[in-house]
Amino acid sequence: MELLKEIEKEGIVDIDSWSEFRKVRNILAHDYPDDLEEKAEAINYLIEKPPNLIGVIEKIESKINKQGN
């Protein structure tokens, strides 16, 4: 949790968004046959969120590039 707070402080990602992505990841990673509707909702969530994930990757790349210079 401390690392996540540091990442948020750096402006890379906010804790609420990251928590939501972890929740979706957990839904998709576990195989519970009765939760097909929940899995479908999780997949739809991810289909809508690529710009958010790409933004996180771009921020990380920017921080790495600044440190390398």
C-alpha atoms as a PDB file:
ATOM      1  CA  MET A   1       0.000   0.000   0.000  1.00  0.00           C
ATOM      2  CA  GLU A   2       2.885   2.368   0.701  1.00  0.00           C
ATOM      3  CA  LEU A   3       4.242   1.845  -2.804  1.00  0.00           C
ATOM      4  CA  LEU A   4       0.834   2.599  -4.257  1.00  0.00           C
ATOM      5  CA  LYS A   5       0.688   5.823  -2.239  1.00  0.00           C
ATOM      6  CA  GLU A   6       4.081   6.837  -3.648  1.00  0.00           C
ATOM      7  CA  ILE A   7       2.924   6.072  -7.184  1.00  0.00           C
ATOM      8  CA  GLU A   8      -0.180   8.178  -6.602  1.00  0.00           C
ATOM      9  CA  LYS A   9       1.942  11.011  -5.191  1.00  0.00           C
ATOM     10  CA  GLU A  10       4.036  10.916  -8.389  1.00  0.00           C
ATOM     11  CA  GLY A  11       0.837  11.389 -10.403  1.00  0.00           C
ATOM     12  CA  ILE A  12       1.102   8.053 -12.194  1.00  0.00           C
ATOM     13  CA  VAL A  13      -2.187   6.530 -11.019  1.00  0.00           C
ATOM     14  CA  ASP A  14      -4.793   7.211  -8.368  1.00  0.00           C
ATOM     15  CA  ILE A  15      -5.537   4.585  -5.735  1.00  0.00           C
ATOM     16  CA  ASP A  16      -9.247   4.348  -6.543  1.00  0.00           C
ATOM     17  CA  SER A  17      -8.643   3.600 -10.226  1.00  0.00           C
ATOM     18  CA  TRP A  18      -5.918   1.107  -9.418  1.00  0.00           C
ATOM     19  CA  SER A  19      -8.165  -0.642  -6.890  1.00  0.00           C
ATOM     20  CA  GLU A  20     -10.902  -0.930  -9.512  1.00  0.00           C
ATOM     21  CA  PHE A  21      -8.492  -2.495 -12.019  1.00  0.00           C
ATOM     22  CA  ARG A  22      -7.308  -4.970  -9.352  1.00  0.00           C
ATOM     23  CA  LYS A  23     -10.903  -5.888  -8.580  1.00  0.00           C
ATOM     24  CA  VAL A  24     -11.590  -6.544 -12.270  1.00  0.00           C
ATOM     25  CA  ARG A  25      -8.370  -8.528 -12.577  1.00  0.00           C
ATOM     26  CA  ASN A  26      -9.380 -10.706  -9.642  1.00  0.00           C
ATOM     27  CA  ILE A  27     -12.812 -11.343 -11.137  1.00  0.00           C
ATOM     28  CA  LEU A  28     -11.244 -12.487 -14.392  1.00  0.00           C
ATOM     29  CA  ALA A  29      -8.380 -14.453 -12.832  1.00  0.00           C
ATOM     30  CA  HIS A  30     -10.562 -16.793 -10.784  1.00  0.00           C
ATOM     31  CA  ASP A  31     -12.755 -19.403 -12.400  1.00  0.00           C
ATOM     32  CA  TYR A  32     -16.168 -19.408 -10.770  1.00  0.00           C
ATOM     33  CA  PRO A  33     -18.696 -20.810 -13.288  1.00  0.00           C
ATOM     34  CA  ASP A  34     -21.643 -19.131 -11.547  1.00  0.00           C
ATOM     35  CA  ASP A  35     -20.153 -15.660 -12.065  1.00  0.00           C
ATOM     36  CA  LEU A  36     -20.422 -15.421 -15.855  1.00  0.00           C
ATOM     37  CA  GLU A  37     -22.413 -12.173 -15.710  1.00  0.00           C
ATOM     38  CA  GLU A  38     -19.818 -10.621 -13.407  1.00  0.00           C
ATOM     39  CA  LYS A  39     -17.041 -11.720 -15.773  1.00  0.00           C
ATOM     40  CA  ALA A  40     -18.905 -10.176 -18.725  1.00  0.00           C
ATOM     41  CA  GLU A  41     -19.214  -6.895 -16.826  1.00  0.00           C
ATOM     42  CA  ALA A  42     -15.499  -7.002 -15.999  1.00  0.00           C
ATOM     43  CA  ILE A  43     -14.596  -7.559 -19.655  1.00  0.00           C
ATOM     44  CA  ASN A  44     -16.838  -4.674 -20.728  1.00  0.00           C
ATOM     45  CA  TYR A  45     -15.168  -2.463 -18.121  1.00  0.00           C
ATOM     46  CA  LEU A  46     -11.748  -3.279 -19.571  1.00  0.00           C
ATOM     47  CA  ILE A  47     -12.936  -2.661 -23.121  1.00  0.00           C
ATOM     48  CA  GLU A  48     -13.906   0.871 -22.064  1.00  0.00           C
ATOM     49  CA  LYS A  49     -10.695   1.622 -20.140  1.00  0.00           C
ATOM     50  CA  PRO A  50      -7.696   1.239 -22.508  1.00  0.00           C
ATOM     51  CA  PRO A  51      -7.064   5.013 -22.498  1.00  0.00           C
ATOM     52  CA  ASN A  52      -6.660   4.889 -18.711  1.00  0.00           C
ATOM     53  CA  LEU A  53      -4.206   1.990 -18.879  1.00  0.00           C
ATOM     54  CA  ILE A  54      -2.286   3.561 -21.756  1.00  0.00           C
ATOM     55  CA  GLY A  55      -2.067   6.790 -19.751  1.00  0.00           C
ATOM     56  CA  VAL A  56      -0.502   4.915 -16.823  1.00  0.00           C
ATOM     57  CA  ILE A  57       2.045   3.295 -19.146  1.00  0.00           C
ATOM     58  CA  GLU A  58       2.906   6.663 -20.719  1.00  0.00           C
ATOM     59  CA  LYS A  59       3.407   8.255 -17.288  1.00  0.00           C
ATOM     60  CA  ILE A  60       5.695   5.419 -16.219  1.00  0.00           C
ATOM     61  CA  GLU A  61       7.706   5.706 -19.446  1.00  0.00           C
ATOM     62  CA  SER A  62       8.011   9.451 -18.942  1.00  0.00           C
ATOM     63  CA  LYS A  63       9.335   9.002 -15.381  1.00  0.00           C
ATOM     64  CA  ILE A  64      11.852   6.396 -16.587  1.00  0.00           C
ATOM     65  CA  ASN A  65      13.033   8.625 -19.423  1.00  0.00           C
ATOM     66  CA  LYS A  66      13.490  11.590 -17.075  1.00  0.00           C
ATOM     67  CA  GLN A  67      15.578   9.477 -14.724  1.00  0.00           C
ATOM     68  CA  GLY A  68      17.723   8.198 -17.586  1.00  0.00           C
ATOM     69  CA  ASN A  69      18.694  11.695 -18.716  1.00  0.00           C
END
